[in-house]
């Protein structure tokens, strides 16, 4: 066998081994990615349900609300203002505020 043929066979064999290893380890990588996502989600949930986070969101919402004059035609609304209920809407109009 010539050197060129040997080199080509070696490269093809190395590529096949690399592909096999990638396919074999794909399940481990997917499981690891899912585990990291769950860890991040749990950390986010833990931070949302703190007094500090809720106060920060309350201050942020008040700043956004008060940045402009609010009238009947320019009502301030924010969906899920505290990050705890996706069906909650905060509305602020010229007569006051409402939670829906």
PDB file of N, CA and C in Angstrom:
ATOM      1  N   UNK A   1       0.837  -1.163   0.000  1.00  0.00           N
ATOM      2  CA  UNK A   1       0.000   0.000   0.000  1.00  0.00           C
ATOM      3  C   UNK A   1       0.892   1.240   0.000  1.00  0.00           C
ATOM      4  N   UNK A   2       0.532   2.178  -0.827  1.00  0.00           N
ATOM      5  CA  UNK A   2       1.350   3.393  -0.914  1.00  0.00           C
ATOM      6  C   UNK A   2       1.067   4.312   0.284  1.00  0.00           C
ATOM      7  N   UNK A   3       1.955   5.256   0.475  1.00  0.00           N
ATOM      8  CA  UNK A   3       1.829   6.190   1.590  1.00  0.00           C
ATOM      9  C   UNK A   3       0.573   7.047   1.456  1.00  0.00           C
ATOM     10  N   UNK A   4       0.242   7.453   0.244  1.00  0.00           N
ATOM     11  CA  UNK A   4      -0.946   8.282   0.014  1.00  0.00           C
ATOM     12  C   UNK A   4      -2.213   7.516   0.357  1.00  0.00           C
ATOM     13  N   UNK A   5      -2.266   6.246  -0.032  1.00  0.00           N
ATOM     14  CA  UNK A   5      -3.446   5.416   0.247  1.00  0.00           C
ATOM     15  C   UNK A   5      -3.562   5.191   1.756  1.00  0.00           C
ATOM     16  N   UNK A   6      -2.413   4.874   2.404  1.00  0.00           N
ATOM     17  CA  UNK A   6      -2.413   4.678   3.857  1.00  0.00           C
ATOM     18  C   UNK A   6      -2.900   5.930   4.586  1.00  0.00           C
ATOM     19  N   UNK A   7      -2.438   7.075   4.135  1.00  0.00           N
ATOM     20  CA  UNK A   7      -2.826   8.342   4.746  1.00  0.00           C
ATOM     21  C   UNK A   7      -4.332   8.576   4.598  1.00  0.00           C
ATOM     22  N   UNK A   8      -4.846   8.269   3.405  1.00  0.00           N
ATOM     23  CA  UNK A   8      -6.274   8.442   3.152  1.00  0.00           C
ATOM     24  C   UNK A   8      -7.095   7.481   4.002  1.00  0.00           C
ATOM     25  N   UNK A   9      -6.683   6.239   4.122  1.00  0.00           N
ATOM     26  CA  UNK A   9      -7.380   5.244   4.947  1.00  0.00           C
ATOM     27  C   UNK A   9      -7.358   5.678   6.409  1.00  0.00           C
ATOM     28  N   UNK A  10      -6.219   6.176   6.851  1.00  0.00           N
ATOM     29  CA  UNK A  10      -6.095   6.642   8.237  1.00  0.00           C
ATOM     30  C   UNK A  10      -7.058   7.804   8.510  1.00  0.00           C
ATOM     31  N   UNK A  11      -7.139   8.769   7.586  1.00  0.00           N
ATOM     32  CA  UNK A  11      -8.029   9.908   7.762  1.00  0.00           C
ATOM     33  C   UNK A  11      -9.490   9.478   7.784  1.00  0.00           C
ATOM     34  N   UNK A  12      -9.857   8.552   6.892  1.00  0.00           N
ATOM     35  CA  UNK A  12     -11.236   8.067   6.852  1.00  0.00           C
ATOM     36  C   UNK A  12     -11.563   7.314   8.137  1.00  0.00           C
ATOM     37  N   UNK A  13     -10.645   6.502   8.608  1.00  0.00           N
ATOM     38  CA  UNK A  13     -10.855   5.755   9.853  1.00  0.00           C
ATOM     39  C   UNK A  13     -10.997   6.710  11.042  1.00  0.00           C
ATOM     40  N   UNK A  14     -10.152   7.718  11.094  1.00  0.00           N
ATOM     41  CA  UNK A  14     -10.211   8.691  12.184  1.00  0.00           C
ATOM     42  C   UNK A  14     -11.533   9.450  12.153  1.00  0.00           C
ATOM     43  N   UNK A  15     -11.998   9.802  10.957  1.00  0.00           N
ATOM     44  CA  UNK A  15     -13.268  10.513  10.838  1.00  0.00           C
ATOM     45  C   UNK A  15     -14.433   9.625  11.281  1.00  0.00           C
ATOM     46  N   UNK A  16     -14.399   8.348  10.894  1.00  0.00           N
ATOM     47  CA  UNK A  16     -15.458   7.410  11.287  1.00  0.00           C
ATOM     48  C   UNK A  16     -15.484   7.227  12.802  1.00  0.00           C
ATOM     49  N   UNK A  17     -14.323   7.127  13.417  1.00  0.00           N
ATOM     50  CA  UNK A  17     -14.248   6.993  14.876  1.00  0.00           C
ATOM     51  C   UNK A  17     -14.787   8.252  15.548  1.00  0.00           C
ATOM     52  N   UNK A  18     -14.419   9.413  15.029  1.00  0.00           N
ATOM     53  CA  UNK A  18     -14.888  10.679  15.609  1.00  0.00           C
ATOM     54  C   UNK A  18     -16.402  10.799  15.513  1.00  0.00           C
ATOM     55  N   UNK A  19     -16.957  10.432  14.367  1.00  0.00           N
ATOM     56  CA  UNK A  19     -18.409  10.488  14.188  1.00  0.00           C
ATOM     57  C   UNK A  19     -19.090   9.511  15.141  1.00  0.00           C
ATOM     58  N   UNK A  20     -18.545   8.321  15.264  1.00  0.00           N
ATOM     59  CA  UNK A  20     -19.099   7.327  16.182  1.00  0.00           C
ATOM     60  C   UNK A  20     -19.086   7.810  17.620  1.00  0.00           C
ATOM     61  N   UNK A  21     -17.998   8.430  18.031  1.00  0.00           N
ATOM     62  CA  UNK A  21     -17.915   8.960  19.394  1.00  0.00           C
ATOM     63  C   UNK A  21     -18.921  10.080  19.622  1.00  0.00           C
ATOM     64  N   UNK A  22     -19.098  10.929  18.621  1.00  0.00           N
ATOM     65  CA  UNK A  22     -20.078  12.009  18.746  1.00  0.00           C
ATOM     66  C   UNK A  22     -21.489  11.456  18.890  1.00  0.00           C
ATOM     67  N   UNK A  23     -21.825  10.485  18.058  1.00  0.00           N
ATOM     68  CA  UNK A  23     -23.158   9.893  18.146  1.00  0.00           C
ATOM     69  C   UNK A  23     -23.354   9.150  19.458  1.00  0.00           C
ATOM     70  N   UNK A  24     -22.318   8.482  19.928  1.00  0.00           N
ATOM     71  CA  UNK A  24     -22.393   7.731  21.181  1.00  0.00           C
ATOM     72  C   UNK A  24     -22.568   8.663  22.371  1.00  0.00           C
ATOM     73  N   UNK A  25     -21.902   9.800  22.360  1.00  0.00           N
ATOM     74  CA  UNK A  25     -21.944  10.715  23.506  1.00  0.00           C
ATOM     75  C   UNK A  25     -23.072  11.740  23.405  1.00  0.00           C
ATOM     76  N   UNK A  26     -23.842  11.717  22.329  1.00  0.00           N
ATOM     77  CA  UNK A  26     -24.906  12.703  22.136  1.00  0.00           C
ATOM     78  C   UNK A  26     -25.947  12.626  23.244  1.00  0.00           C
ATOM     79  N   UNK A  27     -26.312  11.434  23.685  1.00  0.00           N
ATOM     80  CA  UNK A  27     -27.296  11.299  24.749  1.00  0.00           C
ATOM     81  C   UNK A  27     -26.796  11.936  26.037  1.00  0.00           C
ATOM     82  N   UNK A  28     -25.504  11.757  26.353  1.00  0.00           N
ATOM     83  CA  UNK A  28     -24.935  12.363  27.542  1.00  0.00           C
ATOM     84  C   UNK A  28     -24.960  13.879  27.447  1.00  0.00           C
ATOM     85  N   UNK A  29     -24.654  14.390  26.269  1.00  0.00           N
ATOM     86  CA  UNK A  29     -24.649  15.838  26.067  1.00  0.00           C
ATOM     87  C   UNK A  29     -26.071  16.383  26.196  1.00  0.00           C
ATOM     88  N   UNK A  30     -27.042  15.720  25.599  1.00  0.00           N
ATOM     89  CA  UNK A  30     -28.427  16.167  25.687  1.00  0.00           C
ATOM     90  C   UNK A  30     -28.908  16.160  27.129  1.00  0.00           C
ATOM     91  N   UNK A  31     -28.588  15.108  27.864  1.00  0.00           N
ATOM     92  CA  UNK A  31     -28.979  15.025  29.274  1.00  0.00           C
ATOM     93  C   UNK A  31     -28.318  16.131  30.077  1.00  0.00           C
ATOM     94  N   UNK A  32     -27.070  16.412  29.782  1.00  0.00           N
ATOM     95  CA  UNK A  32     -26.347  17.466  30.482  1.00  0.00           C
ATOM     96  C   UNK A  32     -26.960  18.837  30.190  1.00  0.00           C
ATOM     97  N   UNK A  33     -27.326  19.079  28.945  1.00  0.00           N
ATOM     98  CA  UNK A  33     -27.957  20.346  28.562  1.00  0.00           C
ATOM     99  C   UNK A  33     -29.295  20.499  29.276  1.00  0.00           C
ATOM    100  N   UNK A  34     -30.090  19.443  29.301  1.00  0.00           N
ATOM    101  CA  UNK A  34     -31.385  19.492  29.985  1.00  0.00           C
ATOM    102  C   UNK A  34     -31.203  19.750  31.471  1.00  0.00           C
ATOM    103  N   UNK A  35     -30.218  19.112  32.071  1.00  0.00           N
ATOM    104  CA  UNK A  35     -29.955  19.297  33.500  1.00  0.00           C
ATOM    105  C   UNK A  35     -29.574  20.741  33.803  1.00  0.00           C
ATOM    106  N   UNK A  36     -28.737  21.337  32.962  1.00  0.00           N
ATOM    107  CA  UNK A  36     -28.340  22.736  33.162  1.00  0.00           C
ATOM    108  C   UNK A  36     -29.534  23.682  33.006  1.00  0.00           C
ATOM    109  N   UNK A  37     -30.420  23.383  32.058  1.00  0.00           N
ATOM    110  CA  UNK A  37     -31.615  24.210  31.869  1.00  0.00           C
ATOM    111  C   UNK A  37     -32.501  24.168  33.109  1.00  0.00           C
ATOM    112  N   UNK A  38     -32.677  22.978  33.667  1.00  0.00           N
ATOM    113  CA  UNK A  38     -33.486  22.835  34.873  1.00  0.00           C
ATOM    114  C   UNK A  38     -32.844  23.585  36.036  1.00  0.00           C
ATOM    115  N   UNK A  39     -31.532  23.500  36.167  1.00  0.00           N
ATOM    116  CA  UNK A  39     -30.835  24.219  37.238  1.00  0.00           C
ATOM    117  C   UNK A  39     -31.031  25.724  37.097  1.00  0.00           C
ATOM    118  N   UNK A  40     -30.913  26.242  35.871  1.00  0.00           N
ATOM    119  CA  UNK A  40     -31.105  27.683  35.646  1.00  0.00           C
ATOM    120  C   UNK A  40     -32.535  28.099  35.951  1.00  0.00           C
ATOM    121  N   UNK A  41     -33.506  27.276  35.530  1.00  0.00           N
ATOM    122  CA  UNK A  41     -34.909  27.576  35.778  1.00  0.00           C
ATOM    123  C   UNK A  41     -35.197  27.583  37.276  1.00  0.00           C
ATOM    124  N   UNK A  42     -34.665  26.616  37.999  1.00  0.00           N
ATOM    125  CA  UNK A  42     -34.870  26.575  39.448  1.00  0.00           C
ATOM    126  C   UNK A  42     -34.258  27.786  40.123  1.00  0.00           C
ATOM    127  N   UNK A  43     -33.080  28.197  39.689  1.00  0.00           N
ATOM    128  CA  UNK A  43     -32.438  29.385  40.259  1.00  0.00           C
ATOM    129  C   UNK A  43     -33.272  30.631  39.975  1.00  0.00           C
ATOM    130  N   UNK A  44     -33.827  30.716  38.778  1.00  0.00           N
ATOM    131  CA  UNK A  44     -34.653  31.860  38.419  1.00  0.00           C
ATOM    132  C   UNK A  44     -35.923  31.880  39.270  1.00  0.00           C
ATOM    133  N   UNK A  45     -36.538  30.720  39.457  1.00  0.00           N
ATOM    134  CA  UNK A  45     -37.750  30.636  40.267  1.00  0.00           C
ATOM    135  C   UNK A  45     -37.457  31.049  41.701  1.00  0.00           C
ATOM    136  N   UNK A  46     -36.347  30.568  42.238  1.00  0.00           N
ATOM    137  CA  UNK A  46     -35.984  30.919  43.612  1.00  0.00           C
ATOM    138  C   UNK A  46     -35.766  32.420  43.770  1.00  0.00           C
ATOM    139  N   UNK A  47     -35.204  33.074  42.748  1.00  0.00           N
ATOM    140  CA  UNK A  47     -34.944  34.511  42.871  1.00  0.00           C
ATOM    141  C   UNK A  47     -36.216  35.335  42.703  1.00  0.00           C
ATOM    142  N   UNK A  48     -37.189  34.859  41.924  1.00  0.00           N
ATOM    143  CA  UNK A  48     -38.429  35.606  41.694  1.00  0.00           C
ATOM    144  C   UNK A  48     -39.253  35.706  42.975  1.00  0.00           C
ATOM    145  N   UNK A  49     -39.277  34.657  43.750  1.00  0.00           N
ATOM    146  CA  UNK A  49     -40.106  34.638  44.949  1.00  0.00           C
ATOM    147  C   UNK A  49     -39.355  35.159  46.173  1.00  0.00           C
ATOM    148  N   UNK A  50     -38.668  36.280  46.010  1.00  0.00           N
ATOM    149  CA  UNK A  50     -37.997  36.923  47.136  1.00  0.00           C
ATOM    150  C   UNK A  50     -38.552  38.338  47.273  1.00  0.00           C
ATOM    151  N   UNK A  51     -38.496  38.858  48.478  1.00  0.00           N
ATOM    152  CA  UNK A  51     -38.972  40.216  48.728  1.00  0.00           C
ATOM    153  C   UNK A  51     -38.160  41.222  47.929  1.00  0.00           C
ATOM    154  N   UNK A  52     -36.863  41.008  47.819  1.00  0.00           N
ATOM    155  CA  UNK A  52     -36.000  41.939  47.096  1.00  0.00           C
ATOM    156  C   UNK A  52     -36.389  42.020  45.621  1.00  0.00           C
ATOM    157  N   UNK A  53     -36.629  40.868  44.993  1.00  0.00           N
ATOM    158  CA  UNK A  53     -36.996  40.855  43.581  1.00  0.00           C
ATOM    159  C   UNK A  53     -38.346  41.533  43.377  1.00  0.00           C
ATOM    160  N   UNK A  54     -39.306  41.213  44.216  1.00  0.00           N
ATOM    161  CA  UNK A  54     -40.638  41.795  44.076  1.00  0.00           C
ATOM    162  C   UNK A  54     -40.585  43.317  44.256  1.00  0.00           C
ATOM    163  N   UNK A  55     -39.787  43.792  45.206  1.00  0.00           N
ATOM    164  CA  UNK A  55     -39.641  45.236  45.413  1.00  0.00           C
ATOM    165  C   UNK A  55     -38.958  45.887  44.212  1.00  0.00           C
ATOM    166  N   UNK A  56     -37.956  45.213  43.665  1.00  0.00           N
ATOM    167  CA  UNK A  56     -37.258  45.728  42.495  1.00  0.00           C
ATOM    168  C   UNK A  56     -38.232  45.863  41.313  1.00  0.00           C
ATOM    169  N   UNK A  57     -39.073  44.845  41.099  1.00  0.00           N
ATOM    170  CA  UNK A  57     -40.038  44.896  40.004  1.00  0.00           C
ATOM    171  C   UNK A  57     -41.096  45.971  40.255  1.00  0.00           C
ATOM    172  N   UNK A  58     -41.497  46.150  41.519  1.00  0.00           N
ATOM    173  CA  UNK A  58     -42.464  47.183  41.859  1.00  0.00           C
ATOM    174  C   UNK A  58     -41.895  48.565  41.553  1.00  0.00           C
ATOM    175  N   UNK A  59     -40.627  48.790  41.931  1.00  0.00           N
ATOM    176  CA  UNK A  59     -39.966  50.069  41.645  1.00  0.00           C
ATOM    177  C   UNK A  59     -39.816  50.294  40.142  1.00  0.00           C
ATOM    178  N   UNK A  60     -39.417  49.246  39.424  1.00  0.00           N
ATOM    179  CA  UNK A  60     -39.246  49.348  37.968  1.00  0.00           C
ATOM    180  C   UNK A  60     -40.569  49.678  37.287  1.00  0.00           C
ATOM    181  N   UNK A  61     -41.638  49.008  37.735  1.00  0.00           N
ATOM    182  CA  UNK A  61     -42.952  49.248  37.153  1.00  0.00           C
ATOM    183  C   UNK A  61     -43.420  50.682  37.442  1.00  0.00           C
ATOM    184  N   UNK A  62     -43.177  51.173  38.654  1.00  0.00           N
ATOM    185  CA  UNK A  62     -43.561  52.543  38.992  1.00  0.00           C
ATOM    186  C   UNK A  62     -42.779  53.550  38.145  1.00  0.00           C
ATOM    187  N   UNK A  63     -41.502  53.282  37.924  1.00  0.00           N
ATOM    188  CA  UNK A  63     -40.687  54.173  37.084  1.00  0.00           C
ATOM    189  C   UNK A  63     -41.206  54.209  35.653  1.00  0.00           C
ATOM    190  N   UNK A  64     -41.515  53.039  35.102  1.00  0.00           N
ATOM    191  CA  UNK A  64     -42.058  52.968  33.734  1.00  0.00           C
ATOM    192  C   UNK A  64     -43.407  53.672  33.662  1.00  0.00           C
ATOM    193  N   UNK A  65     -44.248  53.414  34.648  1.00  0.00           N
ATOM    194  CA  UNK A  65     -45.595  53.991  34.684  1.00  0.00           C
ATOM    195  C   UNK A  65     -45.547  55.510  34.774  1.00  0.00           C
ATOM    196  N   UNK A  66     -44.661  56.030  35.613  1.00  0.00           N
ATOM    197  CA  UNK A  66     -44.600  57.467  35.855  1.00  0.00           C
ATOM    198  C   UNK A  66     -43.743  58.221  34.843  1.00  0.00           C
ATOM    199  N   UNK A  67     -43.141  57.527  33.894  1.00  0.00           N
ATOM    200  CA  UNK A  67     -42.289  58.173  32.895  1.00  0.00           C
ATOM    201  C   UNK A  67     -43.100  59.080  31.971  1.00  0.00           C
ATOM    202  N   UNK A  68     -44.383  58.773  31.796  1.00  0.00           N
ATOM    203  CA  UNK A  68     -45.268  59.571  30.943  1.00  0.00           C
ATOM    204  C   UNK A  68     -46.531  59.906  31.713  1.00  0.00           C
ATOM    205  N   UNK A  69     -47.195  60.950  31.263  1.00  0.00           N
ATOM    206  CA  UNK A  69     -48.484  61.282  31.862  1.00  0.00           C
ATOM    207  C   UNK A  69     -49.509  60.271  31.373  1.00  0.00           C
ATOM    208  N   UNK A  70     -50.281  59.738  32.279  1.00  0.00           N
ATOM    209  CA  UNK A  70     -51.271  58.711  31.923  1.00  0.00           C
ATOM    210  C   UNK A  70     -52.657  59.320  31.829  1.00  0.00           C
ATOM    211  N   UNK A  71     -53.338  58.998  30.730  1.00  0.00           N
ATOM    212  CA  UNK A  71     -54.695  59.479  30.490  1.00  0.00           C
ATOM    213  C   UNK A  71     -55.536  58.293  30.034  1.00  0.00           C
ATOM    214  N   UNK A  72     -56.778  58.569  29.716  1.00  0.00           N
ATOM    215  CA  UNK A  72     -57.658  57.517  29.204  1.00  0.00           C
ATOM    216  C   UNK A  72     -57.083  56.928  27.920  1.00  0.00           C
ATOM    217  N   UNK A  73     -56.468  57.771  27.125  1.00  0.00           N
ATOM    218  CA  UNK A  73     -55.897  57.322  25.855  1.00  0.00           C
ATOM    219  C   UNK A  73     -54.481  56.780  25.981  1.00  0.00           C
ATOM    220  N   UNK A  74     -53.868  56.928  27.154  1.00  0.00           N
ATOM    221  CA  UNK A  74     -52.487  56.487  27.346  1.00  0.00           C
ATOM    222  C   UNK A  74     -52.365  55.718  28.665  1.00  0.00           C
ATOM    223  N   UNK A  75     -53.049  54.598  28.742  1.00  0.00           N
ATOM    224  CA  UNK A  75     -53.060  53.767  29.950  1.00  0.00           C
ATOM    225  C   UNK A  75     -51.809  52.900  29.970  1.00  0.00           C
ATOM    226  N   UNK A  76     -51.232  52.768  31.155  1.00  0.00           N
ATOM    227  CA  UNK A  76     -50.051  51.916  31.324  1.00  0.00           C
ATOM    228  C   UNK A  76     -50.505  50.499  31.663  1.00  0.00           C
ATOM    229  N   UNK A  77     -50.003  49.521  30.926  1.00  0.00           N
ATOM    230  CA  UNK A  77     -50.284  48.117  31.236  1.00  0.00           C
ATOM    231  C   UNK A  77     -48.989  47.332  31.214  1.00  0.00           C
ATOM    232  N   UNK A  78     -48.933  46.337  32.049  1.00  0.00           N
ATOM    233  CA  UNK A  78     -47.774  45.441  32.072  1.00  0.00           C
ATOM    234  C   UNK A  78     -48.278  44.041  32.378  1.00  0.00           C
ATOM    235  N   UNK A  79     -47.953  43.108  31.503  1.00  0.00           N
ATOM    236  CA  UNK A  79     -48.345  41.717  31.684  1.00  0.00           C
ATOM    237  C   UNK A  79     -47.355  41.020  32.597  1.00  0.00           C
ATOM    238  N   UNK A  80     -47.870  40.270  33.542  1.00  0.00           N
ATOM    239  CA  UNK A  80     -47.060  39.500  34.498  1.00  0.00           C
ATOM    240  C   UNK A  80     -45.984  40.382  35.139  1.00  0.00           C
ATOM    241  N   UNK A  81     -46.390  41.445  35.814  1.00  0.00           N
ATOM    242  CA  UNK A  81     -45.417  42.422  36.304  1.00  0.00           C
ATOM    243  C   UNK A  81     -44.426  41.888  37.335  1.00  0.00           C
ATOM    244  N   UNK A  82     -44.829  40.888  38.089  1.00  0.00           N
ATOM    245  CA  UNK A  82     -43.943  40.378  39.143  1.00  0.00           C
ATOM    246  C   UNK A  82     -43.338  39.022  38.800  1.00  0.00           C
ATOM    247  N   UNK A  83     -43.622  38.511  37.609  1.00  0.00           N
ATOM    248  CA  UNK A  83     -43.034  37.254  37.160  1.00  0.00           C
ATOM    249  C   UNK A  83     -43.573  36.022  37.853  1.00  0.00           C
ATOM    250  N   UNK A  84     -44.756  36.144  38.452  1.00  0.00           N
ATOM    251  CA  UNK A  84     -45.298  35.021  39.212  1.00  0.00           C
ATOM    252  C   UNK A  84     -46.588  34.457  38.647  1.00  0.00           C
ATOM    253  N   UNK A  85     -47.219  35.167  37.709  1.00  0.00           N
ATOM    254  CA  UNK A  85     -48.502  34.718  37.188  1.00  0.00           C
ATOM    255  C   UNK A  85     -48.653  35.243  35.768  1.00  0.00           C
ATOM    256  N   UNK A  86     -48.578  34.366  34.792  1.00  0.00           N
ATOM    257  CA  UNK A  86     -48.608  34.793  33.386  1.00  0.00           C
ATOM    258  C   UNK A  86     -49.966  35.354  32.982  1.00  0.00           C
ATOM    259  N   UNK A  87     -50.995  35.150  33.791  1.00  0.00           N
ATOM    260  CA  UNK A  87     -52.325  35.665  33.462  1.00  0.00           C
ATOM    261  C   UNK A  87     -52.626  36.994  34.156  1.00  0.00           C
ATOM    262  N   UNK A  88     -51.671  37.545  34.885  1.00  0.00           N
ATOM    263  CA  UNK A  88     -51.859  38.793  35.628  1.00  0.00           C
ATOM    264  C   UNK A  88     -51.493  39.976  34.736  1.00  0.00           C
ATOM    265  N   UNK A  89     -52.330  41.013  34.760  1.00  0.00           N
ATOM    266  CA  UNK A  89     -52.063  42.241  34.019  1.00  0.00           C
ATOM    267  C   UNK A  89     -52.228  43.414  34.979  1.00  0.00           C
ATOM    268  N   UNK A  90     -51.238  44.295  35.001  1.00  0.00           N
ATOM    269  CA  UNK A  90     -51.303  45.511  35.792  1.00  0.00           C
ATOM    270  C   UNK A  90     -51.682  46.638  34.858  1.00  0.00           C
ATOM    271  N   UNK A  91     -52.722  47.387  35.225  1.00  0.00           N
ATOM    272  CA  UNK A  91     -53.163  48.505  34.409  1.00  0.00           C
ATOM    273  C   UNK A  91     -53.200  49.750  35.281  1.00  0.00           C
ATOM    274  N   UNK A  92     -52.739  50.854  34.732  1.00  0.00           N
ATOM    275  CA  UNK A  92     -52.763  52.122  35.448  1.00  0.00           C
ATOM    276  C   UNK A  92     -53.287  53.181  34.499  1.00  0.00           C
ATOM    277  N   UNK A  93     -54.367  53.826  34.891  1.00  0.00           N
ATOM    278  CA  UNK A  93     -54.947  54.877  34.068  1.00  0.00           C
ATOM    279  C   UNK A  93     -54.982  56.186  34.812  1.00  0.00           C
ATOM    280  N   UNK A  94     -55.711  57.132  34.291  1.00  0.00           N
ATOM    281  CA  UNK A  94     -55.729  58.464  34.898  1.00  0.00           C
ATOM    282  C   UNK A  94     -56.483  58.485  36.220  1.00  0.00           C
ATOM    283  N   UNK A  95     -57.321  57.488  36.519  1.00  0.00           N
ATOM    284  CA  UNK A  95     -58.077  57.465  37.766  1.00  0.00           C
ATOM    285  C   UNK A  95     -57.462  56.553  38.818  1.00  0.00           C
ATOM    286  N   UNK A  96     -56.419  55.875  38.502  1.00  0.00           N
ATOM    287  CA  UNK A  96     -55.818  54.975  39.485  1.00  0.00           C
ATOM    288  C   UNK A  96     -55.319  53.704  38.850  1.00  0.00           C
ATOM    289  N   UNK A  97     -55.141  52.683  39.648  1.00  0.00           N
ATOM    290  CA  UNK A  97     -54.607  51.438  39.128  1.00  0.00           C
ATOM    291  C   UNK A  97     -55.595  50.304  39.359  1.00  0.00           C
ATOM    292  N   UNK A  98     -55.437  49.275  38.551  1.00  0.00           N
ATOM    293  CA  UNK A  98     -56.332  48.123  38.593  1.00  0.00           C
ATOM    294  C   UNK A  98     -55.508  46.871  38.361  1.00  0.00           C
ATOM    295  N   UNK A  99     -55.855  45.837  39.055  1.00  0.00           N
ATOM    296  CA  UNK A  99     -55.266  44.529  38.759  1.00  0.00           C
ATOM    297  C   UNK A  99     -56.347  43.694  38.112  1.00  0.00           C
ATOM    298  N   UNK A 100     -56.031  43.116  36.997  1.00  0.00           N
ATOM    299  CA  UNK A 100     -57.001  42.271  36.293  1.00  0.00           C
ATOM    300  C   UNK A 100     -56.594  40.819  36.407  1.00  0.00           C
TER     301      UNK A 100
END
